[in-house]
Amino acid sequence: MTVGIVGYGAHLPRHRIKVEEIAKVWGADAPSYKKGLELREKSVPAPDQDVITLAVEAARNALARAQIGAQEIGAVYVGSESHPYAVKPTGTVVAEAIGAVPNCHCADFEFACKAGSEAMFVCTGLVKSGYIKYGLAIGADTSQGAPGDALEYSASAGAAAYIMGSENLVATIDLQHSFMTDTPDFWRREYQHYPQHAGRYTGEPAYFKHTLGASKALLEKSGMKPADFDFAVFHQPNGKFPMRVGKMLGFKREQLETGWLVPLLGNTYSGASPLGLTAILDIAKPGNKIFMCSYGSGSGSDAFILTVTDRIREAQDRAVKTRKLLDENKIYLEYGEYAKFRKKILKAE
């Protein structure tokens, strides 16, 4: 059975904060973030936005492109590391809001920044087995960064949703592969609002080892090489890492730029590589080959090879495109407004 993407969608907050605005508060060197890590600004969720609201909007866009009824969806999986509730699923609210209940399986996934691709991986397997007709996989986050921490310059918000099926595909998933080890480069304990990280350790033994491990294994499994692909997208915690890992594998910059959203969006964690894929699908043509690889701290990567089908042309304009969400109708915040939005400061009772 050929399985792939039937519909896809994205959603981003309108609010943004520039790197300079954060840097001037903490006396940091803004140019080092802009040039060294290639970060210029990031999205900021409004006070009434969370993983659920972002996921619902992305899912509705995916349904518009899929042209199916929500009650045909047999599984709803939401991957995030900022679920609104510690004990209560995100997925049930999303499923109810889009009309997928009651006859579907629901679960919340968490594997740091690869929870979204994890949901895609599982939905693909369930469809391929014949257990469900369609599965909805979502990667969404309103990521956290402590005041003054390096993460504050990149931690942002956004959601990407994918409906997996075996009919009327916009892109086939030809192969997928996962690679993981116990590498604790980033973590957040229960009751802690902000995560902790191991600084530079998050690079070579964490991000690069696992992204390269999954990517090389999948390329070997497929018998393909980077030159065989039209587009590639990798997890983007900053602007530098995905470009560097792409180059290490043999991809060229022009293959990476379409899905490279992080300089103007920030790191959307579970939504990062899935959102990059939505931007690629927005402009892809039939026959295009796409390589995608996520990364999640703790640590692991999921890699996928996709082929775009003829149906992509009719699906692209059925919902708002990702670059439009990224580039238009932006509202810039000052640091005080941003801190209030993100509850870094609270009004005294």
C-alpha atoms as a PDB file:
ATOM      1  CA  MET A   1       0.000   0.000   0.000  1.00  0.00           C
ATOM      2  CA  THR A   2       1.254   3.464  -0.909  1.00  0.00           C
ATOM      3  CA  VAL A   3       0.853   5.835   2.040  1.00  0.00           C
ATOM      4  CA  GLY A   4       1.487   9.528   2.279  1.00  0.00           C
ATOM      5  CA  ILE A   5       0.114  12.998   2.923  1.00  0.00           C
ATOM      6  CA  VAL A   6      -3.498  13.692   1.939  1.00  0.00           C
ATOM      7  CA  GLY A   7      -3.633  17.184   3.421  1.00  0.00           C
ATOM      8  CA  TYR A   8      -1.334  19.532   5.304  1.00  0.00           C
ATOM      9  CA  GLY A   9      -1.674  22.841   7.093  1.00  0.00           C
ATOM     10  CA  ALA A  10       0.180  25.359   9.215  1.00  0.00           C
ATOM     11  CA  HIS A  11      -0.616  28.088  11.698  1.00  0.00           C
ATOM     12  CA  LEU A  12       1.604  30.810  13.191  1.00  0.00           C
ATOM     13  CA  PRO A  13       1.022  33.639  15.667  1.00  0.00           C
ATOM     14  CA  ARG A  14       1.026  37.157  14.230  1.00  0.00           C
ATOM     15  CA  HIS A  15       3.139  38.623  17.028  1.00  0.00           C
ATOM     16  CA  ARG A  16       6.932  38.875  16.705  1.00  0.00           C
ATOM     17  CA  ILE A  17       9.897  40.136  18.688  1.00  0.00           C
ATOM     18  CA  LYS A  18      13.240  41.083  17.164  1.00  0.00           C
ATOM     19  CA  VAL A  19      16.554  39.724  18.418  1.00  0.00           C
ATOM     20  CA  GLU A  20      17.764  43.283  19.145  1.00  0.00           C
ATOM     21  CA  GLU A  21      14.801  43.887  21.443  1.00  0.00           C
ATOM     22  CA  ILE A  22      15.741  40.915  23.607  1.00  0.00           C
ATOM     23  CA  ALA A  23      19.461  41.676  23.489  1.00  0.00           C
ATOM     24  CA  LYS A  24      19.131  45.295  24.629  1.00  0.00           C
ATOM     25  CA  VAL A  25      17.392  44.172  27.837  1.00  0.00           C
ATOM     26  CA  TRP A  26      20.104  41.689  28.786  1.00  0.00           C
ATOM     27  CA  GLY A  27      23.122  43.555  27.417  1.00  0.00           C
ATOM     28  CA  ALA A  28      23.803  40.730  24.997  1.00  0.00           C
ATOM     29  CA  ASP A  29      25.532  40.887  21.647  1.00  0.00           C
ATOM     30  CA  ALA A  30      22.663  40.882  19.138  1.00  0.00           C
ATOM     31  CA  PRO A  31      24.951  40.620  16.077  1.00  0.00           C
ATOM     32  CA  SER A  32      26.261  37.265  17.339  1.00  0.00           C
ATOM     33  CA  TYR A  33      22.733  35.863  17.232  1.00  0.00           C
ATOM     34  CA  LYS A  34      21.951  37.470  13.877  1.00  0.00           C
ATOM     35  CA  LYS A  35      25.179  36.503  12.118  1.00  0.00           C
ATOM     36  CA  GLY A  36      26.475  33.513  14.058  1.00  0.00           C
ATOM     37  CA  LEU A  37      23.153  31.723  14.564  1.00  0.00           C
ATOM     38  CA  GLU A  38      21.265  33.518  11.756  1.00  0.00           C
ATOM     39  CA  LEU A  39      18.335  34.596  13.911  1.00  0.00           C
ATOM     40  CA  ARG A  40      16.538  37.894  13.258  1.00  0.00           C
ATOM     41  CA  GLU A  41      13.147  37.601  14.953  1.00  0.00           C
ATOM     42  CA  LYS A  42      10.756  35.028  16.334  1.00  0.00           C
ATOM     43  CA  SER A  43       7.029  34.417  16.697  1.00  0.00           C
ATOM     44  CA  VAL A  44       5.311  35.008  20.035  1.00  0.00           C
ATOM     45  CA  PRO A  45       1.966  33.435  20.988  1.00  0.00           C
ATOM     46  CA  ALA A  46      -0.712  35.861  22.137  1.00  0.00           C
ATOM     47  CA  PRO A  47      -2.149  35.413  25.644  1.00  0.00           C
ATOM     48  CA  ASP A  48      -5.118  33.508  24.175  1.00  0.00           C
ATOM     49  CA  GLN A  49      -2.969  31.191  22.034  1.00  0.00           C
ATOM     50  CA  ASP A  50      -1.569  27.860  23.138  1.00  0.00           C
ATOM     51  CA  VAL A  51      -0.714  24.486  21.621  1.00  0.00           C
ATOM     52  CA  ILE A  52      -4.405  23.596  21.357  1.00  0.00           C
ATOM     53  CA  THR A  53      -5.489  26.721  19.477  1.00  0.00           C
ATOM     54  CA  LEU A  54      -2.496  26.569  17.135  1.00  0.00           C
ATOM     55  CA  ALA A  55      -3.063  22.862  16.492  1.00  0.00           C
ATOM     56  CA  VAL A  56      -6.764  23.344  15.743  1.00  0.00           C
ATOM     57  CA  GLU A  57      -6.096  26.030  13.133  1.00  0.00           C
ATOM     58  CA  ALA A  58      -3.364  23.970  11.470  1.00  0.00           C
ATOM     59  CA  ALA A  59      -5.639  20.909  11.451  1.00  0.00           C
ATOM     60  CA  ARG A  60      -8.467  22.880   9.828  1.00  0.00           C
ATOM     61  CA  ASN A  61      -6.082  23.963   7.079  1.00  0.00           C
ATOM     62  CA  ALA A  62      -5.027  20.347   6.583  1.00  0.00           C
ATOM     63  CA  LEU A  63      -8.665  19.273   6.305  1.00  0.00           C
ATOM     64  CA  ALA A  64      -9.318  21.994   3.719  1.00  0.00           C
ATOM     65  CA  ARG A  65      -6.513  20.614   1.576  1.00  0.00           C
ATOM     66  CA  ALA A  66      -7.451  16.968   2.146  1.00  0.00           C
ATOM     67  CA  GLN A  67     -11.109  17.533   1.220  1.00  0.00           C
ATOM     68  CA  ILE A  68     -12.287  14.799   3.605  1.00  0.00           C
ATOM     69  CA  GLY A  69     -14.720  14.747   6.498  1.00  0.00           C
ATOM     70  CA  ALA A  70     -13.167  14.995   9.963  1.00  0.00           C
ATOM     71  CA  GLN A  71     -15.088  11.922  11.123  1.00  0.00           C
ATOM     72  CA  GLU A  72     -13.118   9.825   8.641  1.00  0.00           C
ATOM     73  CA  ILE A  73      -9.993  10.419  10.732  1.00  0.00           C
ATOM     74  CA  GLY A  74      -9.168   7.325  12.767  1.00  0.00           C
ATOM     75  CA  ALA A  75      -6.363   8.755  14.932  1.00  0.00           C
ATOM     76  CA  VAL A  76      -5.417  12.195  16.272  1.00  0.00           C
ATOM     77  CA  TYR A  77      -1.895  12.556  17.638  1.00  0.00           C
ATOM     78  CA  VAL A  78      -0.518  15.872  18.902  1.00  0.00           C
ATOM     79  CA  GLY A  79       3.224  16.092  19.472  1.00  0.00           C
ATOM     80  CA  SER A  80       4.460  18.890  21.748  1.00  0.00           C
ATOM     81  CA  GLU A  81       6.626  19.676  24.736  1.00  0.00           C
ATOM     82  CA  SER A  82       4.332  22.493  25.858  1.00  0.00           C
ATOM     83  CA  HIS A  83       0.967  20.763  26.200  1.00  0.00           C
ATOM     84  CA  PRO A  84      -1.336  23.082  28.189  1.00  0.00           C
ATOM     85  CA  TYR A  85      -2.144  20.389  30.753  1.00  0.00           C
ATOM     86  CA  ALA A  86       0.162  18.118  32.729  1.00  0.00           C
ATOM     87  CA  VAL A  87      -2.725  15.668  33.127  1.00  0.00           C
ATOM     88  CA  LYS A  88      -5.372  15.980  30.422  1.00  0.00           C
ATOM     89  CA  PRO A  89      -4.850  15.326  26.734  1.00  0.00           C
ATOM     90  CA  THR A  90      -4.441  18.034  24.141  1.00  0.00           C
ATOM     91  CA  GLY A  91      -5.640  15.695  21.411  1.00  0.00           C
ATOM     92  CA  THR A  92      -9.201  15.280  22.698  1.00  0.00           C
ATOM     93  CA  VAL A  93      -9.788  19.041  22.559  1.00  0.00           C
ATOM     94  CA  VAL A  94      -8.335  19.242  19.049  1.00  0.00           C
ATOM     95  CA  ALA A  95     -10.357  16.236  17.864  1.00  0.00           C
ATOM     96  CA  GLU A  96     -13.568  17.675  19.299  1.00  0.00           C
ATOM     97  CA  ALA A  97     -12.928  21.115  17.796  1.00  0.00           C
ATOM     98  CA  ILE A  98     -12.459  19.766  14.268  1.00  0.00           C
ATOM     99  CA  GLY A  99     -15.308  17.238  14.552  1.00  0.00           C
ATOM    100  CA  ALA A 100     -13.270  14.025  14.569  1.00  0.00           C
ATOM    101  CA  VAL A 101     -14.815  12.497  17.723  1.00  0.00           C
ATOM    102  CA  PRO A 102     -15.910  10.084  19.041  1.00  0.00           C
ATOM    103  CA  ASN A 103     -14.688   7.166  16.939  1.00  0.00           C
ATOM    104  CA  CYS A 104     -10.957   7.840  16.767  1.00  0.00           C
ATOM    105  CA  HIS A 105      -7.846   6.957  18.721  1.00  0.00           C
ATOM    106  CA  CYS A 106      -6.177   9.871  20.466  1.00  0.00           C
ATOM    107  CA  ALA A 107      -2.810  10.358  22.137  1.00  0.00           C
ATOM    108  CA  ASP A 108      -0.421  13.141  23.064  1.00  0.00           C
ATOM    109  CA  PHE A 109       3.197  12.604  22.043  1.00  0.00           C
ATOM    110  CA  GLU A 110       6.313  14.053  23.624  1.00  0.00           C
ATOM    111  CA  PHE A 111       9.898  13.597  22.482  1.00  0.00           C
ATOM    112  CA  ALA A 112      11.244  17.120  22.745  1.00  0.00           C
ATOM    113  CA  CYS A 113      11.402  18.672  19.271  1.00  0.00           C
ATOM    114  CA  LYS A 114      10.667  15.492  17.296  1.00  0.00           C
ATOM    115  CA  ALA A 115       7.242  14.836  18.793  1.00  0.00           C
ATOM    116  CA  GLY A 116       5.596  16.118  15.599  1.00  0.00           C
ATOM    117  CA  SER A 117       7.546  13.839  13.265  1.00  0.00           C
ATOM    118  CA  GLU A 118       6.956  11.032  15.766  1.00  0.00           C
ATOM    119  CA  ALA A 119       3.196  11.488  15.260  1.00  0.00           C
ATOM    120  CA  MET A 120       3.718  11.452  11.475  1.00  0.00           C
ATOM    121  CA  PHE A 121       5.742   8.239  11.743  1.00  0.00           C
ATOM    122  CA  VAL A 122       3.051   6.446  13.757  1.00  0.00           C
ATOM    123  CA  CYS A 123       0.138   7.652  11.604  1.00  0.00           C
ATOM    124  CA  THR A 124       1.945   6.425   8.500  1.00  0.00           C
ATOM    125  CA  GLY A 125       2.358   2.978  10.046  1.00  0.00           C
ATOM    126  CA  LEU A 126      -1.279   2.750  11.153  1.00  0.00           C
ATOM    127  CA  VAL A 127      -2.547   3.670   7.690  1.00  0.00           C
ATOM    128  CA  LYS A 128      -0.117   1.255   6.046  1.00  0.00           C
ATOM    129  CA  SER A 129      -1.314  -1.570   8.294  1.00  0.00           C
ATOM    130  CA  GLY A 130      -4.913  -0.902   7.285  1.00  0.00           C
ATOM    131  CA  TYR A 131      -5.961  -0.219  10.869  1.00  0.00           C
ATOM    132  CA  ILE A 132      -7.139   3.328  10.080  1.00  0.00           C
ATOM    133  CA  LYS A 133      -8.105   5.111   6.878  1.00  0.00           C
ATOM    134  CA  TYR A 134      -6.730   8.527   7.852  1.00  0.00           C
ATOM    135  CA  GLY A 135      -4.531   9.718  10.690  1.00  0.00           C
ATOM    136  CA  LEU A 136      -3.950  13.306  11.828  1.00  0.00           C
ATOM    137  CA  ALA A 137      -0.423  14.092  13.033  1.00  0.00           C
ATOM    138  CA  ILE A 138       0.352  17.503  14.526  1.00  0.00           C
ATOM    139  CA  GLY A 139       3.569  19.111  15.733  1.00  0.00           C
ATOM    140  CA  ALA A 140       2.884  22.238  17.807  1.00  0.00           C
ATOM    141  CA  ASP A 141       4.660  24.185  20.504  1.00  0.00           C
ATOM    142  CA  THR A 142       4.714  27.435  22.421  1.00  0.00           C
ATOM    143  CA  SER A 143       8.290  26.862  23.474  1.00  0.00           C
ATOM    144  CA  GLN A 144       9.874  28.248  26.612  1.00  0.00           C
ATOM    145  CA  GLY A 145      13.135  30.066  27.264  1.00  0.00           C
ATOM    146  CA  ALA A 146      14.168  31.509  30.631  1.00  0.00           C
ATOM    147  CA  PRO A 147      14.723  35.290  30.774  1.00  0.00           C
ATOM    148  CA  GLY A 148      18.260  36.054  29.634  1.00  0.00           C
ATOM    149  CA  ASP A 149      18.988  32.479  28.575  1.00  0.00           C
ATOM    150  CA  ALA A 150      20.284  31.776  25.077  1.00  0.00           C
ATOM    151  CA  LEU A 151      17.025  29.919  24.337  1.00  0.00           C
ATOM    152  CA  GLU A 152      15.058  33.147  24.723  1.00  0.00           C
ATOM    153  CA  TYR A 153      16.391  34.367  21.374  1.00  0.00           C
ATOM    154  CA  SER A 154      14.943  31.402  19.476  1.00  0.00           C
ATOM    155  CA  ALA A 155      12.101  29.737  21.439  1.00  0.00           C
ATOM    156  CA  SER A 156       8.943  30.521  19.468  1.00  0.00           C
ATOM    157  CA  ALA A 157       5.510  29.153  18.530  1.00  0.00           C
ATOM    158  CA  GLY A 158       3.762  27.487  15.618  1.00  0.00           C
ATOM    159  CA  ALA A 159       1.978  24.353  14.433  1.00  0.00           C
ATOM    160  CA  ALA A 160       1.987  22.024  11.432  1.00  0.00           C
ATOM    161  CA  ALA A 161      -0.644  19.361  10.753  1.00  0.00           C
ATOM    162  CA  TYR A 162      -0.608  16.386   8.389  1.00  0.00           C
ATOM    163  CA  ILE A 163      -3.405  14.032   7.419  1.00  0.00           C
ATOM    164  CA  MET A 164      -1.961  10.679   6.398  1.00  0.00           C
ATOM    165  CA  GLY A 165      -3.820   8.281   4.125  1.00  0.00           C
ATOM    166  CA  SER A 166      -3.538   6.048   1.073  1.00  0.00           C
ATOM    167  CA  GLU A 167      -5.843   7.827  -1.402  1.00  0.00           C
ATOM    168  CA  ASN A 168      -5.666  11.204  -3.183  1.00  0.00           C
ATOM    169  CA  LEU A 169      -2.150  11.865  -1.922  1.00  0.00           C
ATOM    170  CA  VAL A 170      -0.337  15.170  -2.359  1.00  0.00           C
ATOM    171  CA  ALA A 171       2.933  13.411  -1.524  1.00  0.00           C
ATOM    172  CA  THR A 172       3.888   9.792  -0.952  1.00  0.00           C
ATOM    173  CA  ILE A 173       6.059   8.776   1.985  1.00  0.00           C
ATOM    174  CA  ASP A 174       8.468   6.395   0.279  1.00  0.00           C
ATOM    175  CA  LEU A 175      10.687   5.504   3.241  1.00  0.00           C
ATOM    176  CA  GLN A 176      11.188   6.521   6.856  1.00  0.00           C
ATOM    177  CA  HIS A 177      13.850   5.764   9.445  1.00  0.00           C
ATOM    178  CA  SER A 178      14.459   6.582  13.114  1.00  0.00           C
ATOM    179  CA  PHE A 179      17.748   6.860  15.012  1.00  0.00           C
ATOM    180  CA  MET A 180      18.025   7.413  18.786  1.00  0.00           C
ATOM    181  CA  THR A 181      20.260   7.146  21.854  1.00  0.00           C
ATOM    182  CA  ASP A 182      20.062   8.251  25.479  1.00  0.00           C
ATOM    183  CA  THR A 183      21.786  11.629  25.088  1.00  0.00           C
ATOM    184  CA  PRO A 184      20.379  14.125  27.629  1.00  0.00           C
ATOM    185  CA  ASP A 185      21.284  17.481  26.106  1.00  0.00           C
ATOM    186  CA  PHE A 186      18.046  19.299  27.032  1.00  0.00           C
ATOM    187  CA  TRP A 187      15.366  18.606  29.653  1.00  0.00           C
ATOM    188  CA  ARG A 188      12.609  20.088  31.806  1.00  0.00           C
ATOM    189  CA  ARG A 189      11.664  18.475  35.086  1.00  0.00           C
ATOM    190  CA  GLU A 190       8.114  18.399  36.418  1.00  0.00           C
ATOM    191  CA  TYR A 191       6.962  21.709  37.973  1.00  0.00           C
ATOM    192  CA  GLN A 192       9.759  23.615  36.238  1.00  0.00           C
ATOM    193  CA  HIS A 193       8.554  26.340  33.881  1.00  0.00           C
ATOM    194  CA  TYR A 194      11.757  26.651  31.868  1.00  0.00           C
ATOM    195  CA  PRO A 195      13.951  23.919  30.378  1.00  0.00           C
ATOM    196  CA  GLN A 196      17.635  23.442  31.046  1.00  0.00           C
ATOM    197  CA  HIS A 197      20.232  22.591  28.442  1.00  0.00           C
ATOM    198  CA  ALA A 198      23.838  21.516  28.199  1.00  0.00           C
ATOM    199  CA  GLY A 199      25.070  24.468  26.137  1.00  0.00           C
ATOM    200  CA  ARG A 200      27.481  23.488  23.370  1.00  0.00           C
ATOM    201  CA  TYR A 201      26.875  19.816  24.197  1.00  0.00           C
ATOM    202  CA  THR A 202      23.588  20.154  22.310  1.00  0.00           C
ATOM    203  CA  GLY A 203      25.617  20.371  19.087  1.00  0.00           C
ATOM    204  CA  GLU A 204      28.029  17.609  18.111  1.00  0.00           C
ATOM    205  CA  PRO A 205      27.019  14.659  20.361  1.00  0.00           C
ATOM    206  CA  ALA A 206      23.324  15.534  20.245  1.00  0.00           C
ATOM    207  CA  TYR A 207      21.914  17.366  17.210  1.00  0.00           C
ATOM    208  CA  PHE A 208      24.569  16.454  14.653  1.00  0.00           C
ATOM    209  CA  LYS A 209      25.123  12.842  15.717  1.00  0.00           C
ATOM    210  CA  HIS A 210      21.418  11.988  15.524  1.00  0.00           C
ATOM    211  CA  THR A 211      20.487  14.044  12.478  1.00  0.00           C
ATOM    212  CA  LEU A 212      23.430  12.600  10.564  1.00  0.00           C
ATOM    213  CA  GLY A 213      22.712   9.110  11.906  1.00  0.00           C
ATOM    214  CA  ALA A 214      19.084   9.073  10.737  1.00  0.00           C
ATOM    215  CA  SER A 215      19.829  10.824   7.436  1.00  0.00           C
ATOM    216  CA  LYS A 216      22.756   8.633   6.427  1.00  0.00           C
ATOM    217  CA  ALA A 217      20.856   5.461   7.337  1.00  0.00           C
ATOM    218  CA  LEU A 218      17.861   6.504   5.245  1.00  0.00           C
ATOM    219  CA  LEU A 219      19.975   7.525   2.262  1.00  0.00           C
ATOM    220  CA  GLU A 220      21.729   4.162   2.428  1.00  0.00           C
ATOM    221  CA  LYS A 221      18.406   2.320   2.755  1.00  0.00           C
ATOM    222  CA  SER A 222      16.977   4.167  -0.259  1.00  0.00           C
ATOM    223  CA  GLY A 223      20.083   3.997  -2.440  1.00  0.00           C
ATOM    224  CA  MET A 224      19.669   7.725  -3.064  1.00  0.00           C
ATOM    225  CA  LYS A 225      22.085  10.623  -2.727  1.00  0.00           C
ATOM    226  CA  PRO A 226      21.511  14.320  -1.870  1.00  0.00           C
ATOM    227  CA  ALA A 227      21.656  15.337  -5.536  1.00  0.00           C
ATOM    228  CA  ASP A 228      18.542  13.223  -6.186  1.00  0.00           C
ATOM    229  CA  PHE A 229      16.380  15.588  -4.116  1.00  0.00           C
ATOM    230  CA  ASP A 230      14.772  18.889  -5.040  1.00  0.00           C
ATOM    231  CA  PHE A 231      14.284  19.999  -1.436  1.00  0.00           C
ATOM    232  CA  ALA A 232      15.525  19.104   2.038  1.00  0.00           C
ATOM    233  CA  VAL A 233      14.526  20.293   5.491  1.00  0.00           C
ATOM    234  CA  PHE A 234      16.112  19.577   8.856  1.00  0.00           C
ATOM    235  CA  HIS A 235      15.235  20.475  12.436  1.00  0.00           C
ATOM    236  CA  GLN A 236      16.072  24.145  12.872  1.00  0.00           C
ATOM    237  CA  PRO A 237      16.900  25.195  16.446  1.00  0.00           C
ATOM    238  CA  ASN A 238      18.754  28.130  14.914  1.00  0.00           C
ATOM    239  CA  GLY A 239      19.696  29.203  11.409  1.00  0.00           C
ATOM    240  CA  LYS A 240      23.185  27.720  11.475  1.00  0.00           C
ATOM    241  CA  PHE A 241      22.593  24.061  12.418  1.00  0.00           C
ATOM    242  CA  PRO A 242      20.288  22.963   9.554  1.00  0.00           C
ATOM    243  CA  MET A 243      22.493  24.606   6.945  1.00  0.00           C
ATOM    244  CA  ARG A 244      25.604  23.025   8.426  1.00  0.00           C
ATOM    245  CA  VAL A 245      24.167  19.509   8.668  1.00  0.00           C
ATOM    246  CA  GLY A 246      22.793  19.794   5.146  1.00  0.00           C
ATOM    247  CA  LYS A 247      26.232  20.720   3.852  1.00  0.00           C
ATOM    248  CA  MET A 248      27.828  17.863   5.805  1.00  0.00           C
ATOM    249  CA  LEU A 249      25.478  15.426   4.073  1.00  0.00           C
ATOM    250  CA  GLY A 250      26.070  16.914   0.632  1.00  0.00           C
ATOM    251  CA  PHE A 251      22.935  19.031   0.144  1.00  0.00           C
ATOM    252  CA  LYS A 252      23.265  22.456  -1.460  1.00  0.00           C
ATOM    253  CA  ARG A 253      21.964  25.690   0.013  1.00  0.00           C
ATOM    254  CA  GLU A 254      19.310  26.091  -2.693  1.00  0.00           C
ATOM    255  CA  GLN A 255      17.811  22.731  -1.691  1.00  0.00           C
ATOM    256  CA  LEU A 256      17.486  23.929   1.920  1.00  0.00           C
ATOM    257  CA  GLU A 257      16.319  27.535   1.657  1.00  0.00           C
ATOM    258  CA  THR A 258      12.613  26.945   0.929  1.00  0.00           C
ATOM    259  CA  GLY A 259      11.994  25.129   4.227  1.00  0.00           C
ATOM    260  CA  TRP A 260      14.473  27.239   6.201  1.00  0.00           C
ATOM    261  CA  LEU A 261      12.039  29.367   8.244  1.00  0.00           C
ATOM    262  CA  VAL A 262      13.939  29.824  11.472  1.00  0.00           C
ATOM    263  CA  PRO A 263      15.623  33.222  10.813  1.00  0.00           C
ATOM    264  CA  LEU A 264      12.199  34.931  10.791  1.00  0.00           C
ATOM    265  CA  LEU A 265      10.236  32.428  12.871  1.00  0.00           C
ATOM    266  CA  GLY A 266      12.504  31.085  15.583  1.00  0.00           C
ATOM    267  CA  ASN A 267      12.560  27.505  16.837  1.00  0.00           C
ATOM    268  CA  THR A 268       9.028  26.109  16.971  1.00  0.00           C
ATOM    269  CA  TYR A 269      10.336  22.904  18.593  1.00  0.00           C
ATOM    270  CA  SER A 270       7.930  20.075  17.646  1.00  0.00           C
ATOM    271  CA  GLY A 271       6.694  22.142  14.712  1.00  0.00           C
ATOM    272  CA  ALA A 272      10.110  23.081  13.332  1.00  0.00           C
ATOM    273  CA  SER A 273      10.874  20.557  10.576  1.00  0.00           C
ATOM    274  CA  PRO A 274       7.163  19.814   9.891  1.00  0.00           C
ATOM    275  CA  LEU A 275       6.553  23.551   9.352  1.00  0.00           C
ATOM    276  CA  GLY A 276       9.520  23.693   7.008  1.00  0.00           C
ATOM    277  CA  LEU A 277       7.952  20.841   5.053  1.00  0.00           C
ATOM    278  CA  THR A 278       4.660  22.757   4.728  1.00  0.00           C
ATOM    279  CA  ALA A 279       6.536  25.667   3.130  1.00  0.00           C
ATOM    280  CA  ILE A 280       8.113  23.249   0.663  1.00  0.00           C
ATOM    281  CA  LEU A 281       4.806  21.599  -0.211  1.00  0.00           C
ATOM    282  CA  ASP A 282       3.317  25.060  -0.810  1.00  0.00           C
ATOM    283  CA  ILE A 283       5.563  25.560  -3.857  1.00  0.00           C
ATOM    284  CA  ALA A 284       6.458  21.980  -4.825  1.00  0.00           C
ATOM    285  CA  LYS A 285       5.714  20.500  -8.239  1.00  0.00           C
ATOM    286  CA  PRO A 286       4.647  16.976  -9.191  1.00  0.00           C
ATOM    287  CA  GLY A 287       7.582  14.585  -9.167  1.00  0.00           C
ATOM    288  CA  ASN A 288       9.694  16.629  -6.730  1.00  0.00           C
ATOM    289  CA  LYS A 289      11.654  14.582  -4.204  1.00  0.00           C
ATOM    290  CA  ILE A 290      11.830  15.868  -0.612  1.00  0.00           C
ATOM    291  CA  PHE A 291      14.111  14.824   2.245  1.00  0.00           C
ATOM    292  CA  MET A 292      13.084  15.676   5.814  1.00  0.00           C
ATOM    293  CA  CYS A 293      14.824  14.935   9.112  1.00  0.00           C
ATOM    294  CA  SER A 294      13.704  16.042  12.565  1.00  0.00           C
ATOM    295  CA  TYR A 295      15.642  16.125  15.825  1.00  0.00           C
ATOM    296  CA  GLY A 296      14.482  15.862  19.422  1.00  0.00           C
ATOM    297  CA  SER A 297      16.638  16.191  22.500  1.00  0.00           C
ATOM    298  CA  GLY A 298      17.037  13.146  24.640  1.00  0.00           C
ATOM    299  CA  SER A 299      17.846  12.238  21.766  1.00  0.00           C
ATOM    300  CA  GLY A 300      16.565  11.083  18.391  1.00  0.00           C
ATOM    301  CA  SER A 301      15.729  11.866  14.769  1.00  0.00           C
ATOM    302  CA  ASP A 302      13.056  10.740  12.304  1.00  0.00           C
ATOM    303  CA  ALA A 303      13.917  10.944   8.601  1.00  0.00           C
ATOM    304  CA  PHE A 304      11.519  10.724   5.650  1.00  0.00           C
ATOM    305  CA  ILE A 305      11.732  10.562   1.862  1.00  0.00           C
ATOM    306  CA  LEU A 306       8.706  11.965   0.030  1.00  0.00           C
ATOM    307  CA  THR A 307       7.633  12.243  -3.603  1.00  0.00           C
ATOM    308  CA  VAL A 308       5.177  14.967  -4.639  1.00  0.00           C
ATOM    309  CA  THR A 309       2.174  13.870  -6.720  1.00  0.00           C
ATOM    310  CA  ASP A 310       0.019  15.581  -9.366  1.00  0.00           C
ATOM    311  CA  ARG A 311      -2.634  16.376  -6.737  1.00  0.00           C
ATOM    312  CA  ILE A 312      -0.367  18.959  -5.092  1.00  0.00           C
ATOM    313  CA  ARG A 313      -1.456  21.636  -7.570  1.00  0.00           C
ATOM    314  CA  GLU A 314      -5.114  21.518  -6.581  1.00  0.00           C
ATOM    315  CA  ALA A 315      -4.344  21.299  -2.851  1.00  0.00           C
ATOM    316  CA  GLN A 316      -1.866  24.175  -2.494  1.00  0.00           C
ATOM    317  CA  ASP A 317      -4.386  27.013  -2.793  1.00  0.00           C
ATOM    318  CA  ARG A 318      -7.106  25.492  -0.610  1.00  0.00           C
ATOM    319  CA  ALA A 319      -5.623  26.961   2.569  1.00  0.00           C
ATOM    320  CA  VAL A 320      -3.308  29.784   3.574  1.00  0.00           C
ATOM    321  CA  LYS A 321       0.346  29.189   2.675  1.00  0.00           C
ATOM    322  CA  THR A 322       3.062  29.118   5.303  1.00  0.00           C
ATOM    323  CA  ARG A 323       5.151  31.968   3.885  1.00  0.00           C
ATOM    324  CA  LYS A 324       2.073  34.208   3.936  1.00  0.00           C
ATOM    325  CA  LEU A 325       1.577  33.387   7.615  1.00  0.00           C
ATOM    326  CA  LEU A 326       5.259  34.081   8.213  1.00  0.00           C
ATOM    327  CA  ASP A 327       5.667  37.311   6.271  1.00  0.00           C
ATOM    328  CA  GLU A 328       2.355  39.189   6.435  1.00  0.00           C
ATOM    329  CA  ASN A 329       0.297  40.992   9.103  1.00  0.00           C
ATOM    330  CA  LYS A 330       3.056  40.906  11.693  1.00  0.00           C
ATOM    331  CA  ILE A 331       2.724  42.779  14.993  1.00  0.00           C
ATOM    332  CA  TYR A 332       6.029  43.623  16.704  1.00  0.00           C
ATOM    333  CA  LEU A 333       6.308  43.617  20.480  1.00  0.00           C
ATOM    334  CA  GLU A 334       8.582  45.422  22.887  1.00  0.00           C
ATOM    335  CA  TYR A 335      10.248  43.270  25.528  1.00  0.00           C
ATOM    336  CA  GLY A 336       7.806  44.276  28.260  1.00  0.00           C
ATOM    337  CA  GLU A 337       4.824  43.267  26.131  1.00  0.00           C
ATOM    338  CA  TYR A 338       6.557  40.025  25.192  1.00  0.00           C
ATOM    339  CA  ALA A 339       7.337  39.247  28.850  1.00  0.00           C
ATOM    340  CA  LYS A 340       3.687  39.858  29.756  1.00  0.00           C
ATOM    341  CA  PHE A 341       2.449  37.645  26.908  1.00  0.00           C
ATOM    342  CA  ARG A 342       4.760  34.817  27.953  1.00  0.00           C
ATOM    343  CA  LYS A 343       3.959  35.248  31.661  1.00  0.00           C
ATOM    344  CA  LYS A 344       7.554  36.079  32.526  1.00  0.00           C
ATOM    345  CA  ILE A 345       6.059  38.849  34.651  1.00  0.00           C
ATOM    346  CA  LEU A 346       2.742  38.554  36.480  1.00  0.00           C
ATOM    347  CA  LYS A 347       0.398  41.206  37.786  1.00  0.00           C
ATOM    348  CA  ALA A 348       0.330  41.396  41.580  1.00  0.00           C
ATOM    349  CA  GLU A 349      -2.960  40.332  43.142  1.00  0.00           C
END
